Amino acid sequence: VSRETSRHGMFDLVSTVAVGEPVTMAGDVEIVLKSGGRFASTVKREDSPPSRLGSSLQLEERVEGKFGCYTVYRRGV
């Protein structure tokens, strides 16, 4: 999706589950998110998520869930 320029800055939310490390996906996610858009992803419980991803994603929340740990980043904050 990030390669399709018509999709750039189009999404309020991008969510991933068990597809890779959020750090490696940050660049592609940033491209398609609107300013203020969110990126939600799963991480290992034992990992401490970085406070920033890519050039514009800031950690907003870490949530412990029944099946894992979830992080939510916001673009441009």
PDB file of N, CA and C in Angstrom:
ATOM      1  N   VAL A   1       0.823  -1.191   0.000  1.00  0.00           N
ATOM      2  CA  VAL A   1       0.000   0.000   0.000  1.00  0.00           C
ATOM      3  C   VAL A   1       0.868   1.256   0.000  1.00  0.00           C
ATOM      4  N   SER A   2       1.983   1.236   0.732  1.00  0.00           N
ATOM      5  CA  SER A   2       2.812   2.449   0.826  1.00  0.00           C
ATOM      6  C   SER A   2       3.449   2.824  -0.512  1.00  0.00           C
ATOM      7  N   ARG A   3       3.525   1.889  -1.433  1.00  0.00           N
ATOM      8  CA  ARG A   3       4.103   2.171  -2.757  1.00  0.00           C
ATOM      9  C   ARG A   3       3.114   2.873  -3.682  1.00  0.00           C
ATOM     10  N   GLU A   4       1.844   2.821  -3.349  1.00  0.00           N
ATOM     11  CA  GLU A   4       0.806   3.472  -4.154  1.00  0.00           C
ATOM     12  C   GLU A   4       0.636   4.912  -3.668  1.00  0.00           C
ATOM     13  N   THR A   5       1.149   5.853  -4.428  1.00  0.00           N
ATOM     14  CA  THR A   5       1.126   7.252  -3.982  1.00  0.00           C
ATOM     15  C   THR A   5      -0.290   7.768  -3.733  1.00  0.00           C
ATOM     16  N   SER A   6      -1.275   7.183  -4.372  1.00  0.00           N
ATOM     17  CA  SER A   6      -2.657   7.614  -4.151  1.00  0.00           C
ATOM     18  C   SER A   6      -3.136   7.280  -2.736  1.00  0.00           C
ATOM     19  N   ARG A   7      -2.419   6.414  -2.044  1.00  0.00           N
ATOM     20  CA  ARG A   7      -2.791   6.004  -0.673  1.00  0.00           C
ATOM     21  C   ARG A   7      -2.031   6.791   0.400  1.00  0.00           C
ATOM     22  N   HIS A   8      -1.068   7.601   0.015  1.00  0.00           N
ATOM     23  CA  HIS A   8      -0.263   8.341   0.984  1.00  0.00           C
ATOM     24  C   HIS A   8      -1.126   9.331   1.764  1.00  0.00           C
ATOM     25  N   GLY A   9      -0.957   9.336   3.091  1.00  0.00           N
ATOM     26  CA  GLY A   9      -1.695  10.252   3.952  1.00  0.00           C
ATOM     27  C   GLY A   9      -3.186  10.012   3.983  1.00  0.00           C
ATOM     28  N   MET A  10      -3.601   8.779   3.749  1.00  0.00           N
ATOM     29  CA  MET A  10      -5.017   8.470   3.575  1.00  0.00           C
ATOM     30  C   MET A  10      -5.686   7.824   4.795  1.00  0.00           C
ATOM     31  N   PHE A  11      -4.923   7.228   5.681  1.00  0.00           N
ATOM     32  CA  PHE A  11      -5.514   6.397   6.731  1.00  0.00           C
ATOM     33  C   PHE A  11      -5.409   7.021   8.125  1.00  0.00           C
ATOM     34  N   ASP A  12      -6.462   6.850   8.903  1.00  0.00           N
ATOM     35  CA  ASP A  12      -6.479   7.283  10.300  1.00  0.00           C
ATOM     36  C   ASP A  12      -5.831   6.235  11.199  1.00  0.00           C
ATOM     37  N   LEU A  13      -5.883   4.971  10.772  1.00  0.00           N
ATOM     38  CA  LEU A  13      -5.367   3.873  11.590  1.00  0.00           C
ATOM     39  C   LEU A  13      -4.768   2.795  10.704  1.00  0.00           C
ATOM     40  N   VAL A  14      -3.599   2.328  11.106  1.00  0.00           N
ATOM     41  CA  VAL A  14      -2.990   1.139  10.513  1.00  0.00           C
ATOM     42  C   VAL A  14      -2.773   0.179  11.667  1.00  0.00           C
ATOM     43  N   SER A  15      -3.242  -1.043  11.520  1.00  0.00           N
ATOM     44  CA  SER A  15      -3.125  -2.039  12.574  1.00  0.00           C
ATOM     45  C   SER A  15      -2.445  -3.286  12.026  1.00  0.00           C
ATOM     46  N   THR A  16      -1.494  -3.806  12.788  1.00  0.00           N
ATOM     47  CA  THR A  16      -0.827  -5.049  12.410  1.00  0.00           C
ATOM     48  C   THR A  16      -0.824  -5.994  13.601  1.00  0.00           C
ATOM     49  N   VAL A  17      -0.888  -7.271  13.314  1.00  0.00           N
ATOM     50  CA  VAL A  17      -0.842  -8.295  14.349  1.00  0.00           C
ATOM     51  C   VAL A  17       0.062  -9.414  13.862  1.00  0.00           C
ATOM     52  N   ALA A  18       1.154  -9.624  14.557  1.00  0.00           N
ATOM     53  CA  ALA A  18       2.063 -10.740  14.293  1.00  0.00           C
ATOM     54  C   ALA A  18       2.568 -10.795  12.852  1.00  0.00           C
ATOM     55  N   VAL A  19       2.926  -9.647  12.278  1.00  0.00           N
ATOM     56  CA  VAL A  19       3.476  -9.647  10.927  1.00  0.00           C
ATOM     57  C   VAL A  19       4.922  -9.154  10.880  1.00  0.00           C
ATOM     58  N   GLY A  20       5.443  -8.726  11.988  1.00  0.00           N
ATOM     59  CA  GLY A  20       6.818  -8.241  12.035  1.00  0.00           C
ATOM     60  C   GLY A  20       6.994  -7.218  13.135  1.00  0.00           C
ATOM     61  N   GLU A  21       8.221  -6.774  13.286  1.00  0.00           N
ATOM     62  CA  GLU A  21       8.536  -5.790  14.312  1.00  0.00           C
ATOM     63  C   GLU A  21       8.032  -4.407  13.885  1.00  0.00           C
ATOM     64  N   PRO A  22       7.360  -3.693  14.781  1.00  0.00           N
ATOM     65  CA  PRO A  22       6.885  -2.349  14.452  1.00  0.00           C
ATOM     66  C   PRO A  22       8.008  -1.427  13.968  1.00  0.00           C
ATOM     67  N   VAL A  23       9.203  -1.592  14.503  1.00  0.00           N
ATOM     68  CA  VAL A  23      10.341  -0.752  14.106  1.00  0.00           C
ATOM     69  C   VAL A  23      10.619  -0.892  12.618  1.00  0.00           C
ATOM     70  N   THR A  24      10.527  -2.102  12.079  1.00  0.00           N
ATOM     71  CA  THR A  24      10.826  -2.318  10.658  1.00  0.00           C
ATOM     72  C   THR A  24       9.698  -1.856   9.740  1.00  0.00           C
ATOM     73  N   MET A  25       8.491  -1.721  10.269  1.00  0.00           N
ATOM     74  CA  MET A  25       7.342  -1.312   9.461  1.00  0.00           C
ATOM     75  C   MET A  25       7.069   0.184   9.532  1.00  0.00           C
ATOM     76  N   ALA A  26       7.731   0.880  10.438  1.00  0.00           N
ATOM     77  CA  ALA A  26       7.414   2.289  10.712  1.00  0.00           C
ATOM     78  C   ALA A  26       7.465   3.171   9.469  1.00  0.00           C
ATOM     79  N   GLY A  27       8.485   3.048   8.652  1.00  0.00           N
ATOM     80  CA  GLY A  27       8.615   3.900   7.473  1.00  0.00           C
ATOM     81  C   GLY A  27       7.444   3.768   6.522  1.00  0.00           C
ATOM     82  N   ASP A  28       7.025   2.542   6.249  1.00  0.00           N
ATOM     83  CA  ASP A  28       5.893   2.314   5.348  1.00  0.00           C
ATOM     84  C   ASP A  28       4.585   2.788   5.976  1.00  0.00           C
ATOM     85  N   VAL A  29       4.450   2.597   7.284  1.00  0.00           N
ATOM     86  CA  VAL A  29       3.231   3.015   7.973  1.00  0.00           C
ATOM     87  C   VAL A  29       3.104   4.538   7.982  1.00  0.00           C
ATOM     88  N   GLU A  30       4.193   5.231   8.269  1.00  0.00           N
ATOM     89  CA  GLU A  30       4.165   6.704   8.304  1.00  0.00           C
ATOM     90  C   GLU A  30       3.640   7.298   7.007  1.00  0.00           C
ATOM     91  N   ILE A  31       4.042   6.730   5.896  1.00  0.00           N
ATOM     92  CA  ILE A  31       3.670   7.249   4.578  1.00  0.00           C
ATOM     93  C   ILE A  31       2.158   7.255   4.364  1.00  0.00           C
ATOM     94  N   VAL A  32       1.468   6.236   4.835  1.00  0.00           N
ATOM     95  CA  VAL A  32       0.034   6.121   4.552  1.00  0.00           C
ATOM     96  C   VAL A  32      -0.855   6.750   5.621  1.00  0.00           C
ATOM     97  N   LEU A  33      -0.285   7.084   6.794  1.00  0.00           N
ATOM     98  CA  LEU A  33      -1.080   7.681   7.866  1.00  0.00           C
ATOM     99  C   LEU A  33      -1.313   9.170   7.643  1.00  0.00           C
ATOM    100  N   LYS A  34      -2.512   9.615   8.016  1.00  0.00           N
ATOM    101  CA  LYS A  34      -2.795  11.045   8.071  1.00  0.00           C
ATOM    102  C   LYS A  34      -2.025  11.630   9.254  1.00  0.00           C
ATOM    103  N   SER A  35      -1.851  12.941   9.275  1.00  0.00           N
ATOM    104  CA  SER A  35      -1.287  13.596  10.443  1.00  0.00           C
ATOM    105  C   SER A  35      -2.216  13.322  11.626  1.00  0.00           C
ATOM    106  N   GLY A  36      -1.661  12.875  12.730  1.00  0.00           N
ATOM    107  CA  GLY A  36      -2.469  12.510  13.891  1.00  0.00           C
ATOM    108  C   GLY A  36      -3.001  11.093  13.836  1.00  0.00           C
ATOM    109  N   GLY A  37      -2.735  10.373  12.726  1.00  0.00           N
ATOM    110  CA  GLY A  37      -3.180   8.985  12.593  1.00  0.00           C
ATOM    111  C   GLY A  37      -2.429   8.065  13.542  1.00  0.00           C
ATOM    112  N   ARG A  38      -2.990   6.906  13.773  1.00  0.00           N
ATOM    113  CA  ARG A  38      -2.407   5.961  14.733  1.00  0.00           C
ATOM    114  C   ARG A  38      -1.952   4.662  14.071  1.00  0.00           C
ATOM    115  N   PHE A  39      -0.924   4.090  14.676  1.00  0.00           N
ATOM    116  CA  PHE A  39      -0.381   2.793  14.266  1.00  0.00           C
ATOM    117  C   PHE A  39      -0.449   1.881  15.480  1.00  0.00           C
ATOM    118  N   ALA A  40      -1.242   0.828  15.394  1.00  0.00           N
ATOM    119  CA  ALA A  40      -1.400  -0.127  16.488  1.00  0.00           C
ATOM    120  C   ALA A  40      -0.761  -1.445  16.085  1.00  0.00           C
ATOM    121  N   SER A  41       0.006  -2.026  17.013  1.00  0.00           N
ATOM    122  CA  SER A  41       0.711  -3.258  16.702  1.00  0.00           C
ATOM    123  C   SER A  41       0.912  -4.085  17.965  1.00  0.00           C
ATOM    124  N   THR A  42       1.196  -5.343  17.772  1.00  0.00           N
ATOM    125  CA  THR A  42       1.508  -6.215  18.901  1.00  0.00           C
ATOM    126  C   THR A  42       3.022  -6.258  19.105  1.00  0.00           C
ATOM    127  N   VAL A  43       3.423  -6.453  20.348  1.00  0.00           N
ATOM    128  CA  VAL A  43       4.832  -6.626  20.697  1.00  0.00           C
ATOM    129  C   VAL A  43       4.921  -7.713  21.762  1.00  0.00           C
ATOM    130  N   LYS A  44       6.109  -8.259  21.928  1.00  0.00           N
ATOM    131  CA  LYS A  44       6.320  -9.266  22.970  1.00  0.00           C
ATOM    132  C   LYS A  44       6.153  -8.606  24.331  1.00  0.00           C
ATOM    133  N   ARG A  45       5.551  -9.330  25.258  1.00  0.00           N
ATOM    134  CA  ARG A  45       5.335  -8.798  26.607  1.00  0.00           C
ATOM    135  C   ARG A  45       6.624  -8.332  27.263  1.00  0.00           C
ATOM    136  N   GLU A  46       7.695  -9.081  27.037  1.00  0.00           N
ATOM    137  CA  GLU A  46       8.961  -8.773  27.706  1.00  0.00           C
ATOM    138  C   GLU A  46       9.718  -7.605  27.065  1.00  0.00           C
ATOM    139  N   ASP A  47       9.283  -7.175  25.896  1.00  0.00           N
ATOM    140  CA  ASP A  47       9.948  -6.058  25.217  1.00  0.00           C
ATOM    141  C   ASP A  47       9.428  -4.717  25.713  1.00  0.00           C
ATOM    142  N   SER A  48      10.320  -3.778  25.782  1.00  0.00           N
ATOM    143  CA  SER A  48       9.952  -2.412  26.108  1.00  0.00           C
ATOM    144  C   SER A  48       9.886  -1.644  24.789  1.00  0.00           C
ATOM    145  N   PRO A  49       8.705  -1.170  24.391  1.00  0.00           N
ATOM    146  CA  PRO A  49       8.597  -0.509  23.087  1.00  0.00           C
ATOM    147  C   PRO A  49       9.337   0.826  23.083  1.00  0.00           C
ATOM    148  N   PRO A  50       9.946   1.178  21.947  1.00  0.00           N
ATOM    149  CA  PRO A  50      10.611   2.479  21.862  1.00  0.00           C
ATOM    150  C   PRO A  50       9.599   3.613  21.962  1.00  0.00           C
ATOM    151  N   SER A  51      10.024   4.743  22.492  1.00  0.00           N
ATOM    152  CA  SER A  51       9.115   5.885  22.626  1.00  0.00           C
ATOM    153  C   SER A  51       8.804   6.518  21.268  1.00  0.00           C
ATOM    154  N   ARG A  52       9.691   6.314  20.279  1.00  0.00           N
ATOM    155  CA  ARG A  52       9.480   6.832  18.928  1.00  0.00           C
ATOM    156  C   ARG A  52       9.780   5.750  17.900  1.00  0.00           C
ATOM    157  N   LEU A  53       9.045   5.797  16.803  1.00  0.00           N
ATOM    158  CA  LEU A  53       9.298   4.932  15.654  1.00  0.00           C
ATOM    159  C   LEU A  53       9.421   5.822  14.426  1.00  0.00           C
ATOM    160  N   GLY A  54      10.320   5.455  13.537  1.00  0.00           N
ATOM    161  CA  GLY A  54      10.482   6.243  12.324  1.00  0.00           C
ATOM    162  C   GLY A  54      10.805   7.680  12.652  1.00  0.00           C
ATOM    163  N   SER A  55      10.323   8.586  11.809  1.00  0.00           N
ATOM    164  CA  SER A  55      10.618   9.995  12.037  1.00  0.00           C
ATOM    165  C   SER A  55       9.477  10.762  12.695  1.00  0.00           C
ATOM    166  N   SER A  56       8.282  10.146  12.766  1.00  0.00           N
ATOM    167  CA  SER A  56       7.147  10.931  13.269  1.00  0.00           C
ATOM    168  C   SER A  56       6.157  10.178  14.144  1.00  0.00           C
ATOM    169  N   LEU A  57       6.454   8.948  14.509  1.00  0.00           N
ATOM    170  CA  LEU A  57       5.513   8.180  15.332  1.00  0.00           C
ATOM    171  C   LEU A  57       5.945   8.200  16.797  1.00  0.00           C
ATOM    172  N   GLN A  58       5.058   8.686  17.650  1.00  0.00           N
ATOM    173  CA  GLN A  58       5.330   8.806  19.083  1.00  0.00           C
ATOM    174  C   GLN A  58       4.457   7.803  19.839  1.00  0.00           C
ATOM    175  N   LEU A  59       5.061   7.068  20.781  1.00  0.00           N
ATOM    176  CA  LEU A  59       4.297   6.107  21.583  1.00  0.00           C
ATOM    177  C   LEU A  59       3.220   6.836  22.364  1.00  0.00           C
ATOM    178  N   GLU A  60       1.997   6.385  22.204  1.00  0.00           N
ATOM    179  CA  GLU A  60       0.859   6.980  22.896  1.00  0.00           C
ATOM    180  C   GLU A  60       0.412   6.095  24.059  1.00  0.00           C
ATOM    181  N   GLU A  61       0.459   4.775  23.836  1.00  0.00           N
ATOM    182  CA  GLU A  61      -0.068   3.874  24.858  1.00  0.00           C
ATOM    183  C   GLU A  61       0.463   2.457  24.662  1.00  0.00           C
ATOM    184  N   ARG A  62       0.679   1.776  25.770  1.00  0.00           N
ATOM    185  CA  ARG A  62       1.011   0.350  25.774  1.00  0.00           C
ATOM    186  C   ARG A  62      -0.082  -0.319  26.595  1.00  0.00           C
ATOM    187  N   VAL A  63      -0.689  -1.354  26.049  1.00  0.00           N
ATOM    188  CA  VAL A  63      -1.819  -2.004  26.701  1.00  0.00           C
ATOM    189  C   VAL A  63      -1.531  -3.492  26.843  1.00  0.00           C
ATOM    190  N   GLU A  64      -1.628  -3.983  28.059  1.00  0.00           N
ATOM    191  CA  GLU A  64      -1.498  -5.421  28.306  1.00  0.00           C
ATOM    192  C   GLU A  64      -2.850  -6.066  28.035  1.00  0.00           C
ATOM    193  N   GLY A  65      -2.888  -7.016  27.124  1.00  0.00           N
ATOM    194  CA  GLY A  65      -4.128  -7.686  26.774  1.00  0.00           C
ATOM    195  C   GLY A  65      -4.095  -9.158  27.142  1.00  0.00           C
ATOM    196  N   LYS A  66      -5.179  -9.819  26.946  1.00  0.00           N
ATOM    197  CA  LYS A  66      -5.296 -11.242  27.267  1.00  0.00           C
ATOM    198  C   LYS A  66      -4.325 -12.087  26.447  1.00  0.00           C
ATOM    199  N   PHE A  67      -4.101 -11.712  25.178  1.00  0.00           N
ATOM    200  CA  PHE A  67      -3.279 -12.517  24.291  1.00  0.00           C
ATOM    201  C   PHE A  67      -1.946 -11.892  23.945  1.00  0.00           C
ATOM    202  N   GLY A  68      -1.599 -10.804  24.572  1.00  0.00           N
ATOM    203  CA  GLY A  68      -0.314 -10.174  24.285  1.00  0.00           C
ATOM    204  C   GLY A  68      -0.290  -8.725  24.705  1.00  0.00           C
ATOM    205  N   CYS A  69       0.711  -8.044  24.246  1.00  0.00           N
ATOM    206  CA  CYS A  69       0.892  -6.640  24.553  1.00  0.00           C
ATOM    207  C   CYS A  69       0.696  -5.838  23.271  1.00  0.00           C
ATOM    208  N   TYR A  70       0.009  -4.741  23.380  1.00  0.00           N
ATOM    209  CA  TYR A  70      -0.312  -3.915  22.229  1.00  0.00           C
ATOM    210  C   TYR A  70       0.272  -2.515  22.427  1.00  0.00           C
ATOM    211  N   THR A  71       0.764  -1.939  21.353  1.00  0.00           N
ATOM    212  CA  THR A  71       1.252  -0.572  21.415  1.00  0.00           C
ATOM    213  C   THR A  71       0.483   0.271  20.415  1.00  0.00           C
ATOM    214  N   VAL A  72       0.318   1.531  20.770  1.00  0.00           N
ATOM    215  CA  VAL A  72      -0.352   2.475  19.886  1.00  0.00           C
ATOM    216  C   VAL A  72       0.572   3.688  19.747  1.00  0.00           C
ATOM    217  N   TYR A  73       0.909   3.996  18.512  1.00  0.00           N
ATOM    218  CA  TYR A  73       1.731   5.155  18.187  1.00  0.00           C
ATOM    219  C   TYR A  73       0.877   6.160  17.428  1.00  0.00           C
ATOM    220  N   ARG A  74       1.182   7.438  17.597  1.00  0.00           N
ATOM    221  CA  ARG A  74       0.465   8.492  16.871  1.00  0.00           C
ATOM    222  C   ARG A  74       1.444   9.272  16.025  1.00  0.00           C
ATOM    223  N   ARG A  75       1.028   9.591  14.820  1.00  0.00           N
ATOM    224  CA  ARG A  75       1.884  10.326  13.891  1.00  0.00           C
ATOM    225  C   ARG A  75       1.770  11.835  14.105  1.00  0.00           C
ATOM    226  N   GLY A  76       2.930  12.465  14.175  1.00  0.00           N
ATOM    227  CA  GLY A  76       2.964  13.925  14.197  1.00  0.00           C
ATOM    228  C   GLY A  76       2.609  14.579  15.507  1.00  0.00           C
ATOM    229  N   VAL A  77       2.839  13.894  16.615  1.00  0.00           N
ATOM    230  CA  VAL A  77       2.579  14.505  17.926  1.00  0.00           C
ATOM    231  C   VAL A  77       3.872  14.717  18.676  1.00  0.00           C
TER     232      VAL A  77
END
